[in-house]
Structure formats: C-alpha cells, structure tokens
Amino acid sequence: MLIAGPPVKLTCKATRTPCISCGPDSPCDNAVSLEEDDFVIENQTDRGQAVWVAFLSDGRRVYQDDRRLRRKPESAWQRLGQLIEAKGLWLTGLAVKFRDHWVDDLPRNQSGYFFCKSCLAFLGNHTIQQCYLLGWLDQDGQVRVRRYSVPELELMDEELRSKSECAGGLLRGGPAQV
C-alpha cells in the first residue's frame, strides 16, 4: 500500500507565498487579478487611476493591479504577458475603465494588443496630462494606437506605429502570433 505524503508546496512566483498550482517555470493565476477586488477598486476611487481590463481567450477578465504587494514584476501588463505565454492563452480584447465609466472601443479578436502609460507636459504651463495608450495590431502589421486622457478616458488622438516601436507593450492576441 502506497501512502502519499502531504502535497508539495511550491512558492508562488506572483505572491511569494505557498502555492500548489505554480509550476517550477510558469506563473500561476495568482500573478494577475481575475476580479475587480478591493485593491483594483481602491486604485480607481482613492487614487484616481483608470485601469485596463484584458479579455482572455478562456473567457476570463484580467484587471490592472500595478504595484500590488508581493507581485513581481510590479507591472500588471508584464505579469499578464508572462501568464498568457506560460498558459498558451491570448487576448481577445482590451478595454479601460475609471469607476463606472468604460471605454471598450477597440476591435475584438485582433492578432495583438498594445498598452503603455504616457504623459504629456505642456511648456510654460506646468501642466502634466497622464495618458493611457491602447491599441491593436492590424492586418497590415501596424499598431493602431489610441491615446486616452487619465482618468477622464477621453480620446485625445490616434496614430499608426510600427510593430517594433511597440514591442515592449505588445501582447499576443489570437489565434495569430505577435
């Protein structure tokens, strides 16, 4: 008769706490926020930050939670990229929200999605405008980028960028590869 010992507990790569679902070389689902929990809500209400919401190929949503304690890297977008690569997932859509105001105008099921934080400074005015850049990889291999003011989420402008210009912020859509 074989008697099994207690399950082996690995250290979660996302939270640095015991986790039975982490593989030795891949992040588990703890790496990202799969619900709009208190941390994500407080970022919007207390800190005045908009958050992106990514739609995954398995039907789940991921909410931006930059700088959450014990999550490495601090960037939720980078953690999302690690997760989709490790689990064979892809993005089917990308939206941004601030409190109850949603902007969900990017086309679905593109071959890639782009996100980057940005700011604009106006000379002589001492004003800095925070922005989110969201985009998608079109069928011509160009990234169509939209700039939204944060936290208002007003569309400021649009531009085309090359794939190489967006490499650090471009994640795989599906089913095509980025």
Protein backbone atom coordinates (compact mmCIF):
# COMPACT_ATOMS: atom_id res chain seq x y z
CA MET A 1 0.00 0.00 0.00
CA LEU A 2 1.39 3.35 -1.06
CA ILE A 3 0.90 6.17 1.41
CA ALA A 4 1.17 9.63 -0.06
CA GLY A 5 2.73 12.39 1.94
CA PRO A 6 1.47 15.96 2.10
CA PRO A 7 1.30 17.81 -1.21
CA VAL A 8 4.46 19.59 -2.21
CA LYS A 9 4.01 23.31 -1.78
CA LEU A 10 5.93 25.46 -4.18
CA THR A 11 6.46 29.14 -3.65
CA CYS A 12 4.11 31.17 -5.83
CA LYS A 13 6.08 33.27 -8.27
CA ALA A 14 3.45 36.02 -8.05
CA THR A 15 2.81 36.36 -4.32
CA ARG A 16 5.89 34.65 -2.85
CA THR A 17 3.59 32.57 -0.63
CA PRO A 18 2.95 28.79 -0.66
CA CYS A 19 1.03 27.73 -3.75
CA ILE A 20 0.14 24.31 -5.11
CA SER A 21 -0.71 25.49 -8.63
CA CYS A 22 2.62 27.13 -9.55
CA GLY A 23 4.85 25.18 -11.84
CA PRO A 24 8.61 25.43 -11.46
CA ASP A 25 8.91 27.62 -14.56
CA SER A 26 5.50 29.20 -15.01
CA PRO A 27 3.37 31.71 -13.14
CA CYS A 28 0.02 30.67 -11.75
CA ASP A 29 -3.25 32.57 -11.95
CA ASN A 30 -2.29 34.42 -8.74
CA ALA A 31 0.03 36.52 -10.90
CA VAL A 32 -2.90 38.64 -12.10
CA SER A 33 -6.20 39.99 -10.74
CA LEU A 34 -9.05 37.98 -12.20
CA GLU A 35 -11.69 40.07 -10.46
CA GLU A 36 -12.28 43.68 -9.60
CA ASP A 37 -11.30 43.24 -5.96
CA ASP A 38 -10.80 45.88 -3.25
CA PHE A 39 -7.28 46.73 -4.44
CA VAL A 40 -8.44 47.40 -8.01
CA ILE A 41 -11.45 49.41 -6.81
CA GLU A 42 -9.32 51.48 -4.40
CA ASN A 43 -6.95 52.34 -7.26
CA GLN A 44 -9.91 53.97 -9.02
CA THR A 45 -11.73 55.54 -6.07
CA ASP A 46 -8.94 56.54 -3.68
CA ARG A 47 -6.03 57.02 -6.08
CA GLY A 48 -7.92 58.34 -9.11
CA GLN A 49 -6.39 55.82 -11.50
CA ALA A 50 -8.04 54.29 -14.53
CA VAL A 51 -7.43 50.56 -15.07
CA TRP A 52 -7.24 48.44 -18.18
CA VAL A 53 -9.29 45.26 -18.43
CA ALA A 54 -7.97 42.48 -20.67
CA PHE A 55 -10.24 39.77 -22.04
CA LEU A 56 -8.63 36.31 -22.25
CA SER A 57 -9.20 33.51 -24.72
CA ASP A 58 -10.55 31.28 -21.93
CA GLY A 59 -13.34 33.79 -21.19
CA ARG A 60 -11.81 35.38 -18.08
CA ARG A 61 -11.00 39.03 -17.47
CA VAL A 62 -7.80 40.44 -16.00
CA TYR A 63 -7.79 43.78 -14.17
CA GLN A 64 -4.78 46.09 -13.93
CA ASP A 65 -3.28 45.99 -10.44
CA ASP A 66 0.13 47.67 -10.76
CA ARG A 67 2.21 47.83 -7.57
CA ARG A 68 0.20 45.20 -5.70
CA LEU A 69 2.28 43.94 -2.79
CA ARG A 70 4.25 40.75 -3.34
CA ARG A 71 3.59 40.71 -7.09
CA LYS A 72 6.61 40.75 -9.36
CA PRO A 73 7.07 42.40 -11.73
CA GLU A 74 5.14 45.44 -10.47
CA SER A 75 3.58 45.99 -13.90
CA ALA A 76 0.35 44.03 -14.29
CA TRP A 77 0.78 44.21 -18.09
CA GLN A 78 4.13 42.42 -17.83
CA ARG A 79 2.65 39.79 -15.50
CA LEU A 80 -0.25 39.32 -17.91
CA GLY A 81 2.24 38.76 -20.74
CA GLN A 82 4.07 36.13 -18.70
CA LEU A 83 0.82 34.37 -17.85
CA ILE A 84 -0.53 34.18 -21.40
CA GLU A 85 2.80 32.88 -22.70
CA ALA A 86 3.08 30.25 -19.97
CA LYS A 87 -0.53 29.06 -20.24
CA GLY A 88 -0.94 29.24 -24.02
CA LEU A 89 -3.64 31.91 -23.79
CA TRP A 90 -4.13 35.07 -25.84
CA LEU A 91 -6.01 38.34 -25.56
CA THR A 92 -9.36 38.67 -27.30
CA GLY A 93 -9.96 42.29 -26.30
CA LEU A 94 -8.77 45.24 -24.26
CA ALA A 95 -10.79 47.97 -22.54
CA VAL A 96 -10.10 50.69 -19.99
CA LYS A 97 -12.32 51.91 -17.15
CA PHE A 98 -12.45 54.51 -14.42
CA ARG A 99 -15.02 53.77 -11.74
CA ASP A 100 -18.24 53.10 -13.71
CA HIS A 101 -17.08 54.71 -16.99
CA TRP A 102 -15.94 52.09 -19.54
CA VAL A 103 -14.20 52.65 -22.86
CA ASP A 104 -14.45 49.43 -24.82
CA ASP A 105 -13.98 50.62 -28.40
CA LEU A 106 -11.00 48.56 -29.56
CA PRO A 107 -11.91 45.79 -32.01
CA ARG A 108 -12.09 42.24 -30.67
CA ASN A 109 -10.07 39.21 -31.74
CA GLN A 110 -7.06 41.02 -33.16
CA SER A 111 -3.62 39.42 -33.51
CA GLY A 112 -2.12 41.62 -30.79
CA TYR A 113 -2.95 44.30 -28.23
CA PHE A 114 -0.83 47.21 -27.01
CA PHE A 115 -0.76 49.12 -23.72
CA CYS A 116 1.57 51.81 -22.42
CA LYS A 117 1.37 54.59 -19.84
CA SER A 118 2.30 58.02 -21.09
CA CYS A 119 2.26 61.67 -20.07
CA LEU A 120 2.27 64.96 -21.91
CA ALA A 121 3.91 68.05 -20.50
CA PHE A 122 2.95 71.49 -21.74
CA LEU A 123 5.80 74.00 -21.84
CA GLY A 124 5.24 77.17 -19.84
CA ASN A 125 2.07 75.78 -18.28
CA HIS A 126 3.42 73.40 -15.60
CA THR A 127 0.63 71.02 -16.52
CA ILE A 128 1.17 67.30 -16.97
CA GLN A 129 -1.53 65.19 -18.60
CA GLN A 130 -1.43 61.48 -17.78
CA CYS A 131 -2.47 59.21 -20.65
CA TYR A 132 -3.02 55.58 -21.48
CA LEU A 133 -2.08 54.33 -24.92
CA LEU A 134 -4.18 51.36 -26.07
CA GLY A 135 -4.03 49.74 -29.45
CA TRP A 136 -4.22 46.67 -31.60
CA LEU A 137 -2.13 45.03 -34.27
CA ASP A 138 -3.98 45.40 -37.55
CA GLN A 139 -3.92 43.08 -40.56
CA ASP A 140 -1.24 45.20 -42.23
CA GLY A 141 1.18 44.61 -39.34
CA GLN A 142 0.79 48.16 -38.00
CA VAL A 143 -0.24 49.02 -34.44
CA ARG A 144 -3.22 51.37 -34.28
CA VAL A 145 -2.73 53.36 -31.08
CA ARG A 146 -5.33 55.47 -29.30
CA ARG A 147 -4.35 57.97 -26.61
CA TYR A 148 -6.84 58.48 -23.76
CA SER A 149 -6.62 61.09 -21.01
CA VAL A 150 -6.48 59.63 -17.50
CA PRO A 151 -8.65 59.44 -15.52
CA GLU A 152 -11.28 61.07 -17.79
CA LEU A 153 -10.79 58.50 -20.58
CA GLU A 154 -11.42 60.99 -23.34
CA LEU A 155 -9.95 60.04 -26.71
CA MET A 156 -7.18 62.54 -27.43
CA ASP A 157 -5.73 61.25 -30.71
CA GLU A 158 -4.89 58.19 -32.80
CA GLU A 159 -1.77 57.18 -34.66
CA LEU A 160 -0.16 54.29 -36.51
CA ARG A 161 3.05 52.80 -35.13
CA SER A 162 5.30 50.05 -36.34
CA LYS A 163 5.32 46.76 -34.51
CA SER A 164 8.95 47.34 -33.49
CA GLU A 165 8.03 50.68 -31.87
CA CYS A 166 5.51 48.88 -29.66
CA ALA A 167 7.46 45.71 -28.89
CA GLY A 168 7.64 46.27 -25.12
CA GLY A 169 3.91 46.77 -24.77
CA LEU A 170 2.50 44.44 -27.40
CA LEU A 171 0.90 41.18 -26.20
CA ARG A 172 -0.35 38.24 -28.21
CA GLY A 173 -3.88 38.21 -29.49
CA GLY A 174 -5.27 35.20 -31.14
CA PRO A 175 -5.15 33.00 -32.84
CA ALA A 176 -2.34 34.65 -34.80
CA GLN A 177 1.04 35.14 -33.15
CA VAL A 178 2.58 38.54 -32.40
